[in-house]
Amino acid sequence: MRYLVLVVVILAFNPAEALEPLPGNKFESTYPYGIARYGLDHKTKVTGWRVAKNWFFGRQRGPDSGMTLVWQGKQDQMSFSKDGIRFTRRF
């Protein structure tokens, strides 16, 4: 429940915009209300919003499926979901 409240507060104070995808990220398709499908790496896809330069919110497909907030760096990725925090580093 706390996670849901946190997400609602974040979205309330930072309204989602349909931002352009980051260069190098696979931008697969778009949906109404600014929702898009982003391929972040070879195992992770997020269907939702790009809420900031490196932040994505939506349903994650991959090893840890479900609603998530994802930070994507050049070599790092951090996911916040109902299951906890996941940190991934690519070599």
PDB file of N, CA and C in Angstrom:
ATOM      1  N   MET A   1       0.827  -1.194   0.000  1.00  0.00           N
ATOM      2  CA  MET A   1       0.000   0.000   0.000  1.00  0.00           C
ATOM      3  C   MET A   1       0.868   1.253   0.000  1.00  0.00           C
ATOM      4  N   ARG A   2       1.967   1.218   0.764  1.00  0.00           N
ATOM      5  CA  ARG A   2       2.855   2.387   0.805  1.00  0.00           C
ATOM      6  C   ARG A   2       3.451   2.659  -0.565  1.00  0.00           C
ATOM      7  N   TYR A   3       3.758   1.583  -1.306  1.00  0.00           N
ATOM      8  CA  TYR A   3       4.318   1.738  -2.643  1.00  0.00           C
ATOM      9  C   TYR A   3       3.330   2.447  -3.570  1.00  0.00           C
ATOM     10  N   LEU A   4       2.081   2.068  -3.496  1.00  0.00           N
ATOM     11  CA  LEU A   4       1.049   2.680  -4.320  1.00  0.00           C
ATOM     12  C   LEU A   4       0.899   4.163  -3.985  1.00  0.00           C
ATOM     13  N   VAL A   5       0.907   4.496  -2.704  1.00  0.00           N
ATOM     14  CA  VAL A   5       0.799   5.898  -2.286  1.00  0.00           C
ATOM     15  C   VAL A   5       1.999   6.695  -2.785  1.00  0.00           C
ATOM     16  N   LEU A   6       3.206   6.121  -2.688  1.00  0.00           N
ATOM     17  CA  LEU A   6       4.406   6.794  -3.168  1.00  0.00           C
ATOM     18  C   LEU A   6       4.324   7.072  -4.663  1.00  0.00           C
ATOM     19  N   VAL A   7       3.880   6.099  -5.439  1.00  0.00           N
ATOM     20  CA  VAL A   7       3.763   6.268  -6.884  1.00  0.00           C
ATOM     21  C   VAL A   7       2.736   7.347  -7.225  1.00  0.00           C
ATOM     22  N   VAL A   8       1.609   7.351  -6.540  1.00  0.00           N
ATOM     23  CA  VAL A   8       0.574   8.362  -6.788  1.00  0.00           C
ATOM     24  C   VAL A   8       1.107   9.754  -6.471  1.00  0.00           C
ATOM     25  N   VAL A   9       1.844   9.899  -5.391  1.00  0.00           N
ATOM     26  CA  VAL A   9       2.411  11.205  -5.027  1.00  0.00           C
ATOM     27  C   VAL A   9       3.436  11.656  -6.065  1.00  0.00           C
ATOM     28  N   ILE A  10       4.291  10.741  -6.502  1.00  0.00           N
ATOM     29  CA  ILE A  10       5.295  11.093  -7.521  1.00  0.00           C
ATOM     30  C   ILE A  10       4.613  11.553  -8.799  1.00  0.00           C
ATOM     31  N   LEU A  11       3.612  10.819  -9.239  1.00  0.00           N
ATOM     32  CA  LEU A  11       2.924  11.186 -10.479  1.00  0.00           C
ATOM     33  C   LEU A  11       2.092  12.454 -10.322  1.00  0.00           C
ATOM     34  N   ALA A  12       1.571  12.711  -9.129  1.00  0.00           N
ATOM     35  CA  ALA A  12       0.761  13.905  -8.912  1.00  0.00           C
ATOM     36  C   ALA A  12       1.606  15.165  -9.001  1.00  0.00           C
ATOM     37  N   PHE A  13       2.822  15.118  -8.493  1.00  0.00           N
ATOM     38  CA  PHE A  13       3.673  16.301  -8.499  1.00  0.00           C
ATOM     39  C   PHE A  13       4.567  16.387  -9.722  1.00  0.00           C
ATOM     40  N   ASN A  14       4.714  15.311 -10.452  1.00  0.00           N
ATOM     41  CA  ASN A  14       5.481  15.287 -11.697  1.00  0.00           C
ATOM     42  C   ASN A  14       4.616  14.654 -12.775  1.00  0.00           C
ATOM     43  N   PRO A  15       3.719  15.410 -13.378  1.00  0.00           N
ATOM     44  CA  PRO A  15       2.828  14.795 -14.360  1.00  0.00           C
ATOM     45  C   PRO A  15       3.614  14.174 -15.507  1.00  0.00           C
ATOM     46  N   ALA A  16       3.152  13.039 -15.940  1.00  0.00           N
ATOM     47  CA  ALA A  16       3.840  12.305 -17.002  1.00  0.00           C
ATOM     48  C   ALA A  16       3.725  13.054 -18.316  1.00  0.00           C
ATOM     49  N   GLU A  17       4.811  13.097 -19.019  1.00  0.00           N
ATOM     50  CA  GLU A  17       4.841  13.694 -20.346  1.00  0.00           C
ATOM     51  C   GLU A  17       5.265  12.616 -21.324  1.00  0.00           C
ATOM     52  N   ALA A  18       4.838  12.747 -22.533  1.00  0.00           N
ATOM     53  CA  ALA A  18       5.275  11.808 -23.562  1.00  0.00           C
ATOM     54  C   ALA A  18       6.622  12.291 -24.077  1.00  0.00           C
ATOM     55  N   LEU A  19       7.687  11.950 -23.359  1.00  0.00           N
ATOM     56  CA  LEU A  19       9.027  12.357 -23.738  1.00  0.00           C
ATOM     57  C   LEU A  19       9.554  11.445 -24.832  1.00  0.00           C
ATOM     58  N   GLU A  20      10.496  11.937 -25.588  1.00  0.00           N
ATOM     59  CA  GLU A  20      11.115  11.122 -26.617  1.00  0.00           C
ATOM     60  C   GLU A  20      11.986  10.071 -25.946  1.00  0.00           C
ATOM     61  N   PRO A  21      12.102   8.889 -26.524  1.00  0.00           N
ATOM     62  CA  PRO A  21      12.938   7.850 -25.926  1.00  0.00           C
ATOM     63  C   PRO A  21      14.410   8.235 -25.969  1.00  0.00           C
ATOM     64  N   LEU A  22      15.182   7.652 -25.066  1.00  0.00           N
ATOM     65  CA  LEU A  22      16.616   7.895 -25.045  1.00  0.00           C
ATOM     66  C   LEU A  22      17.257   7.310 -26.294  1.00  0.00           C
ATOM     67  N   PRO A  23      18.310   7.956 -26.816  1.00  0.00           N
ATOM     68  CA  PRO A  23      19.018   7.358 -27.949  1.00  0.00           C
ATOM     69  C   PRO A  23      19.587   6.009 -27.537  1.00  0.00           C
ATOM     70  N   GLY A  24      19.464   5.042 -28.387  1.00  0.00           N
ATOM     71  CA  GLY A  24      19.970   3.717 -28.091  1.00  0.00           C
ATOM     72  C   GLY A  24      18.928   2.800 -27.472  1.00  0.00           C
ATOM     73  N   ASN A  25      17.849   3.351 -26.938  1.00  0.00           N
ATOM     74  CA  ASN A  25      16.782   2.514 -26.400  1.00  0.00           C
ATOM     75  C   ASN A  25      15.819   2.163 -27.525  1.00  0.00           C
ATOM     76  N   LYS A  26      15.381   0.939 -27.519  1.00  0.00           N
ATOM     77  CA  LYS A  26      14.459   0.500 -28.555  1.00  0.00           C
ATOM     78  C   LYS A  26      13.054   0.979 -28.198  1.00  0.00           C
ATOM     79  N   PHE A  27      12.489   1.842 -29.029  1.00  0.00           N
ATOM     80  CA  PHE A  27      11.156   2.399 -28.832  1.00  0.00           C
ATOM     81  C   PHE A  27      10.231   1.606 -29.728  1.00  0.00           C
ATOM     82  N   GLU A  28       9.398   0.750 -29.140  1.00  0.00           N
ATOM     83  CA  GLU A  28       8.668  -0.222 -29.931  1.00  0.00           C
ATOM     84  C   GLU A  28       7.327   0.253 -30.461  1.00  0.00           C
ATOM     85  N   SER A  29       6.454   0.790 -29.595  1.00  0.00           N
ATOM     86  CA  SER A  29       5.148   1.229 -30.071  1.00  0.00           C
ATOM     87  C   SER A  29       4.540   2.203 -29.063  1.00  0.00           C
ATOM     88  N   THR A  30       3.499   2.918 -29.503  1.00  0.00           N
ATOM     89  CA  THR A  30       2.856   3.896 -28.645  1.00  0.00           C
ATOM     90  C   THR A  30       1.397   3.519 -28.426  1.00  0.00           C
ATOM     91  N   TYR A  31       0.858   4.017 -27.320  1.00  0.00           N
ATOM     92  CA  TYR A  31      -0.528   3.799 -26.934  1.00  0.00           C
ATOM     93  C   TYR A  31      -1.119   5.155 -26.554  1.00  0.00           C
ATOM     94  N   PRO A  32      -2.424   5.253 -26.300  1.00  0.00           N
ATOM     95  CA  PRO A  32      -3.017   6.528 -25.871  1.00  0.00           C
ATOM     96  C   PRO A  32      -2.453   7.002 -24.528  1.00  0.00           C
ATOM     97  N   TYR A  33      -2.646   8.281 -24.227  1.00  0.00           N
ATOM     98  CA  TYR A  33      -2.252   8.919 -22.964  1.00  0.00           C
ATOM     99  C   TYR A  33      -0.751   8.943 -22.741  1.00  0.00           C
ATOM    100  N   GLY A  34       0.034   8.910 -23.788  1.00  0.00           N
ATOM    101  CA  GLY A  34       1.482   8.992 -23.651  1.00  0.00           C
ATOM    102  C   GLY A  34       2.154   7.703 -23.248  1.00  0.00           C
ATOM    103  N   ILE A  35       1.409   6.627 -23.216  1.00  0.00           N
ATOM    104  CA  ILE A  35       1.985   5.328 -22.851  1.00  0.00           C
ATOM    105  C   ILE A  35       2.747   4.783 -24.050  1.00  0.00           C
ATOM    106  N   ALA A  36       3.931   4.245 -23.794  1.00  0.00           N
ATOM    107  CA  ALA A  36       4.748   3.670 -24.857  1.00  0.00           C
ATOM    108  C   ALA A  36       5.427   2.419 -24.331  1.00  0.00           C
ATOM    109  N   ARG A  37       5.931   1.609 -25.226  1.00  0.00           N
ATOM    110  CA  ARG A  37       6.679   0.408 -24.847  1.00  0.00           C
ATOM    111  C   ARG A  37       8.156   0.682 -25.105  1.00  0.00           C
ATOM    112  N   TYR A  38       8.961   0.545 -24.042  1.00  0.00           N
ATOM    113  CA  TYR A  38      10.400   0.804 -24.117  1.00  0.00           C
ATOM    114  C   TYR A  38      11.160  -0.496 -23.885  1.00  0.00           C
ATOM    115  N   GLY A  39      12.076  -0.827 -24.783  1.00  0.00           N
ATOM    116  CA  GLY A  39      12.989  -1.949 -24.574  1.00  0.00           C
ATOM    117  C   GLY A  39      14.257  -1.402 -23.954  1.00  0.00           C
ATOM    118  N   LEU A  40      14.445  -1.611 -22.644  1.00  0.00           N
ATOM    119  CA  LEU A  40      15.576  -1.008 -21.941  1.00  0.00           C
ATOM    120  C   LEU A  40      16.861  -1.799 -22.114  1.00  0.00           C
ATOM    121  N   ASP A  41      16.779  -3.104 -22.114  1.00  0.00           N
ATOM    122  CA  ASP A  41      17.917  -3.958 -22.424  1.00  0.00           C
ATOM    123  C   ASP A  41      17.388  -5.251 -23.030  1.00  0.00           C
ATOM    124  N   HIS A  42      18.246  -6.230 -23.206  1.00  0.00           N
ATOM    125  CA  HIS A  42      17.820  -7.451 -23.899  1.00  0.00           C
ATOM    126  C   HIS A  42      16.810  -8.283 -23.114  1.00  0.00           C
ATOM    127  N   LYS A  43      16.648  -8.031 -21.796  1.00  0.00           N
ATOM    128  CA  LYS A  43      15.691  -8.806 -20.998  1.00  0.00           C
ATOM    129  C   LYS A  43      14.562  -7.968 -20.421  1.00  0.00           C
ATOM    130  N   THR A  44      14.658  -6.649 -20.455  1.00  0.00           N
ATOM    131  CA  THR A  44      13.698  -5.793 -19.760  1.00  0.00           C
ATOM    132  C   THR A  44      12.939  -4.907 -20.737  1.00  0.00           C
ATOM    133  N   LYS A  45      11.604  -4.964 -20.648  1.00  0.00           N
ATOM    134  CA  LYS A  45      10.739  -4.074 -21.418  1.00  0.00           C
ATOM    135  C   LYS A  45       9.770  -3.426 -20.448  1.00  0.00           C
ATOM    136  N   VAL A  46       9.525  -2.132 -20.616  1.00  0.00           N
ATOM    137  CA  VAL A  46       8.582  -1.403 -19.780  1.00  0.00           C
ATOM    138  C   VAL A  46       7.510  -0.806 -20.673  1.00  0.00           C
ATOM    139  N   THR A  47       6.246  -1.069 -20.351  1.00  0.00           N
ATOM    140  CA  THR A  47       5.121  -0.448 -21.031  1.00  0.00           C
ATOM    141  C   THR A  47       4.552   0.571 -20.066  1.00  0.00           C
ATOM    142  N   GLY A  48       4.746   1.864 -20.374  1.00  0.00           N
ATOM    143  CA  GLY A  48       4.307   2.918 -19.469  1.00  0.00           C
ATOM    144  C   GLY A  48       4.796   4.266 -19.933  1.00  0.00           C
ATOM    145  N   TRP A  49       5.259   5.079 -18.997  1.00  0.00           N
ATOM    146  CA  TRP A  49       5.680   6.444 -19.284  1.00  0.00           C
ATOM    147  C   TRP A  49       7.156   6.633 -19.004  1.00  0.00           C
ATOM    148  N   ARG A  50       7.767   7.483 -19.786  1.00  0.00           N
ATOM    149  CA  ARG A  50       9.110   7.979 -19.483  1.00  0.00           C
ATOM    150  C   ARG A  50       8.881   9.268 -18.716  1.00  0.00           C
ATOM    151  N   VAL A  51       9.089   9.246 -17.398  1.00  0.00           N
ATOM    152  CA  VAL A  51       8.732  10.379 -16.544  1.00  0.00           C
ATOM    153  C   VAL A  51       9.863  11.375 -16.363  1.00  0.00           C
ATOM    154  N   ALA A  52      11.073  11.004 -16.697  1.00  0.00           N
ATOM    155  CA  ALA A  52      12.231  11.904 -16.654  1.00  0.00           C
ATOM    156  C   ALA A  52      13.266  11.351 -17.631  1.00  0.00           C
ATOM    157  N   LYS A  53      14.423  11.995 -17.663  1.00  0.00           N
ATOM    158  CA  LYS A  53      15.423  11.609 -18.641  1.00  0.00           C
ATOM    159  C   LYS A  53      15.772  10.120 -18.585  1.00  0.00           C
ATOM    160  N   ASN A  54      16.011   9.592 -17.402  1.00  0.00           N
ATOM    161  CA  ASN A  54      16.412   8.195 -17.256  1.00  0.00           C
ATOM    162  C   ASN A  54      15.427   7.369 -16.441  1.00  0.00           C
ATOM    163  N   TRP A  55      14.227   7.887 -16.171  1.00  0.00           N
ATOM    164  CA  TRP A  55      13.243   7.214 -15.312  1.00  0.00           C
ATOM    165  C   TRP A  55      12.027   6.769 -16.121  1.00  0.00           C
ATOM    166  N   PHE A  56      11.606   5.535 -15.872  1.00  0.00           N
ATOM    167  CA  PHE A  56      10.449   4.954 -16.545  1.00  0.00           C
ATOM    168  C   PHE A  56       9.518   4.376 -15.493  1.00  0.00           C
ATOM    169  N   PHE A  57       8.198   4.525 -15.694  1.00  0.00           N
ATOM    170  CA  PHE A  57       7.207   3.963 -14.789  1.00  0.00           C
ATOM    171  C   PHE A  57       6.188   3.186 -15.595  1.00  0.00           C
ATOM    172  N   GLY A  58       5.895   1.977 -15.168  1.00  0.00           N
ATOM    173  CA  GLY A  58       4.886   1.182 -15.853  1.00  0.00           C
ATOM    174  C   GLY A  58       5.023  -0.282 -15.531  1.00  0.00           C
ATOM    175  N   ARG A  59       4.449  -1.098 -16.392  1.00  0.00           N
ATOM    176  CA  ARG A  59       4.512  -2.551 -16.216  1.00  0.00           C
ATOM    177  C   ARG A  59       5.794  -3.062 -16.843  1.00  0.00           C
ATOM    178  N   GLN A  60       6.574  -3.760 -16.042  1.00  0.00           N
ATOM    179  CA  GLN A  60       7.846  -4.294 -16.502  1.00  0.00           C
ATOM    180  C   GLN A  60       7.678  -5.725 -16.954  1.00  0.00           C
ATOM    181  N   ARG A  61       8.264  -6.046 -18.077  1.00  0.00           N
ATOM    182  CA  ARG A  61       8.317  -7.428 -18.563  1.00  0.00           C
ATOM    183  C   ARG A  61       9.770  -7.865 -18.449  1.00  0.00           C
ATOM    184  N   GLY A  62       9.985  -9.030 -17.963  1.00  0.00           N
ATOM    185  CA  GLY A  62      11.346  -9.529 -17.804  1.00  0.00           C
ATOM    186  C   GLY A  62      11.429 -10.408 -16.577  1.00  0.00           C
ATOM    187  N   PRO A  63      12.628 -10.508 -15.989  1.00  0.00           N
ATOM    188  CA  PRO A  63      12.804 -11.398 -14.836  1.00  0.00           C
ATOM    189  C   PRO A  63      11.867 -11.068 -13.671  1.00  0.00           C
ATOM    190  N   ASP A  64      11.619  -9.798 -13.396  1.00  0.00           N
ATOM    191  CA  ASP A  64      10.726  -9.368 -12.311  1.00  0.00           C
ATOM    192  C   ASP A  64       9.560  -8.602 -12.917  1.00  0.00           C
ATOM    193  N   SER A  65       8.484  -9.292 -13.278  1.00  0.00           N
ATOM    194  CA  SER A  65       7.341  -8.654 -13.914  1.00  0.00           C
ATOM    195  C   SER A  65       6.474  -7.936 -12.893  1.00  0.00           C
ATOM    196  N   GLY A  66       5.739  -6.912 -13.345  1.00  0.00           N
ATOM    197  CA  GLY A  66       4.815  -6.177 -12.495  1.00  0.00           C
ATOM    198  C   GLY A  66       5.025  -4.683 -12.626  1.00  0.00           C
ATOM    199  N   MET A  67       4.288  -3.914 -11.817  1.00  0.00           N
ATOM    200  CA  MET A  67       4.418  -2.457 -11.834  1.00  0.00           C
ATOM    201  C   MET A  67       5.753  -2.070 -11.209  1.00  0.00           C
ATOM    202  N   THR A  68       6.440  -1.130 -11.835  1.00  0.00           N
ATOM    203  CA  THR A  68       7.779  -0.786 -11.373  1.00  0.00           C
ATOM    204  C   THR A  68       8.161   0.628 -11.762  1.00  0.00           C
ATOM    205  N   LEU A  69       9.117   1.160 -11.063  1.00  0.00           N
ATOM    206  CA  LEU A  69       9.765   2.428 -11.383  1.00  0.00           C
ATOM    207  C   LEU A  69      11.210   2.082 -11.690  1.00  0.00           C
ATOM    208  N   VAL A  70      11.686   2.408 -12.899  1.00  0.00           N
ATOM    209  CA  VAL A  70      13.011   1.971 -13.349  1.00  0.00           C
ATOM    210  C   VAL A  70      13.881   3.176 -13.644  1.00  0.00           C
ATOM    211  N   TRP A  71      15.113   3.138 -13.122  1.00  0.00           N
ATOM    212  CA  TRP A  71      16.151   4.108 -13.501  1.00  0.00           C
ATOM    213  C   TRP A  71      17.125   3.380 -14.407  1.00  0.00           C
ATOM    214  N   GLN A  72      17.396   3.952 -15.577  1.00  0.00           N
ATOM    215  CA  GLN A  72      18.259   3.318 -16.567  1.00  0.00           C
ATOM    216  C   GLN A  72      19.465   4.204 -16.822  1.00  0.00           C
ATOM    217  N   GLY A  73      20.657   3.719 -16.510  1.00  0.00           N
ATOM    218  CA  GLY A  73      21.900   4.414 -16.815  1.00  0.00           C
ATOM    219  C   GLY A  73      22.577   3.758 -18.003  1.00  0.00           C
ATOM    220  N   LYS A  74      23.826   4.185 -18.294  1.00  0.00           N
ATOM    221  CA  LYS A  74      24.553   3.584 -19.412  1.00  0.00           C
ATOM    222  C   LYS A  74      24.834   2.112 -19.166  1.00  0.00           C
ATOM    223  N   GLN A  75      25.347   1.785 -17.969  1.00  0.00           N
ATOM    224  CA  GLN A  75      25.667   0.400 -17.650  1.00  0.00           C
ATOM    225  C   GLN A  75      24.849  -0.136 -16.486  1.00  0.00           C
ATOM    226  N   ASP A  76      24.074   0.709 -15.828  1.00  0.00           N
ATOM    227  CA  ASP A  76      23.347   0.314 -14.629  1.00  0.00           C
ATOM    228  C   ASP A  76      21.849   0.455 -14.829  1.00  0.00           C
ATOM    229  N   GLN A  77      21.121  -0.352 -14.080  1.00  0.00           N
ATOM    230  CA  GLN A  77      19.660  -0.265 -14.075  1.00  0.00           C
ATOM    231  C   GLN A  77      19.186  -0.588 -12.667  1.00  0.00           C
ATOM    232  N   MET A  78      18.272   0.235 -12.130  1.00  0.00           N
ATOM    233  CA  MET A  78      17.717   0.001 -10.810  1.00  0.00           C
ATOM    234  C   MET A  78      16.205   0.002 -10.927  1.00  0.00           C
ATOM    235  N   SER A  79      15.559  -1.041 -10.392  1.00  0.00           N
ATOM    236  CA  SER A  79      14.109  -1.186 -10.450  1.00  0.00           C
ATOM    237  C   SER A  79      13.541  -1.193  -9.044  1.00  0.00           C
ATOM    238  N   PHE A  80      12.486  -0.410  -8.837  1.00  0.00           N
ATOM    239  CA  PHE A  80      11.762  -0.388  -7.577  1.00  0.00           C
ATOM    240  C   PHE A  80      10.384  -0.985  -7.841  1.00  0.00           C
ATOM    241  N   SER A  81      10.081  -2.112  -7.204  1.00  0.00           N
ATOM    242  CA  SER A  81       8.796  -2.773  -7.414  1.00  0.00           C
ATOM    243  C   SER A  81       8.250  -3.272  -6.089  1.00  0.00           C
ATOM    244  N   LYS A  82       7.101  -3.933  -6.146  1.00  0.00           N
ATOM    245  CA  LYS A  82       6.492  -4.476  -4.925  1.00  0.00           C
ATOM    246  C   LYS A  82       7.349  -5.577  -4.313  1.00  0.00           C
ATOM    247  N   ASP A  83       8.208  -6.186  -5.112  1.00  0.00           N
ATOM    248  CA  ASP A  83       9.076  -7.255  -4.621  1.00  0.00           C
ATOM    249  C   ASP A  83      10.358  -6.729  -3.987  1.00  0.00           C
ATOM    250  N   GLY A  84      10.663  -5.454  -4.184  1.00  0.00           N
ATOM    251  CA  GLY A  84      11.878  -4.878  -3.608  1.00  0.00           C
ATOM    252  C   GLY A  84      12.648  -4.076  -4.634  1.00  0.00           C
ATOM    253  N   ILE A  85      13.928  -3.910  -4.378  1.00  0.00           N
ATOM    254  CA  ILE A  85      14.817  -3.138  -5.248  1.00  0.00           C
ATOM    255  C   ILE A  85      15.754  -4.103  -5.942  1.00  0.00           C
ATOM    256  N   ARG A  86      15.894  -3.919  -7.252  1.00  0.00           N
ATOM    257  CA  ARG A  86      16.803  -4.759  -8.034  1.00  0.00           C
ATOM    258  C   ARG A  86      17.814  -3.866  -8.705  1.00  0.00           C
ATOM    259  N   PHE A  87      19.106  -4.195  -8.570  1.00  0.00           N
ATOM    260  CA  PHE A  87      20.171  -3.444  -9.206  1.00  0.00           C
ATOM    261  C   PHE A  87      20.866  -4.358 -10.214  1.00  0.00           C
ATOM    262  N   THR A  88      21.005  -3.868 -11.458  1.00  0.00           N
ATOM    263  CA  THR A  88      21.635  -4.642 -12.518  1.00  0.00           C
ATOM    264  C   THR A  88      22.764  -3.827 -13.120  1.00  0.00           C
ATOM    265  N   ARG A  89      23.922  -4.447 -13.287  1.00  0.00           N
ATOM    266  CA  ARG A  89      25.068  -3.793 -13.939  1.00  0.00           C
ATOM    267  C   ARG A  89      25.461  -4.620 -15.149  1.00  0.00           C
ATOM    268  N   ARG A  90      25.551  -3.963 -16.301  1.00  0.00           N
ATOM    269  CA  ARG A  90      25.938  -4.651 -17.544  1.00  0.00           C
ATOM    270  C   ARG A  90      27.426  -4.435 -17.817  1.00  0.00           C
ATOM    271  N   PHE A  91      28.054  -5.454 -18.349  1.00  0.00           N
ATOM    272  CA  PHE A  91      29.478  -5.361 -18.686  1.00  0.00           C
ATOM    273  C   PHE A  91      29.655  -5.238 -20.170  1.00  0.00           C
TER     274      PHE A  91
END
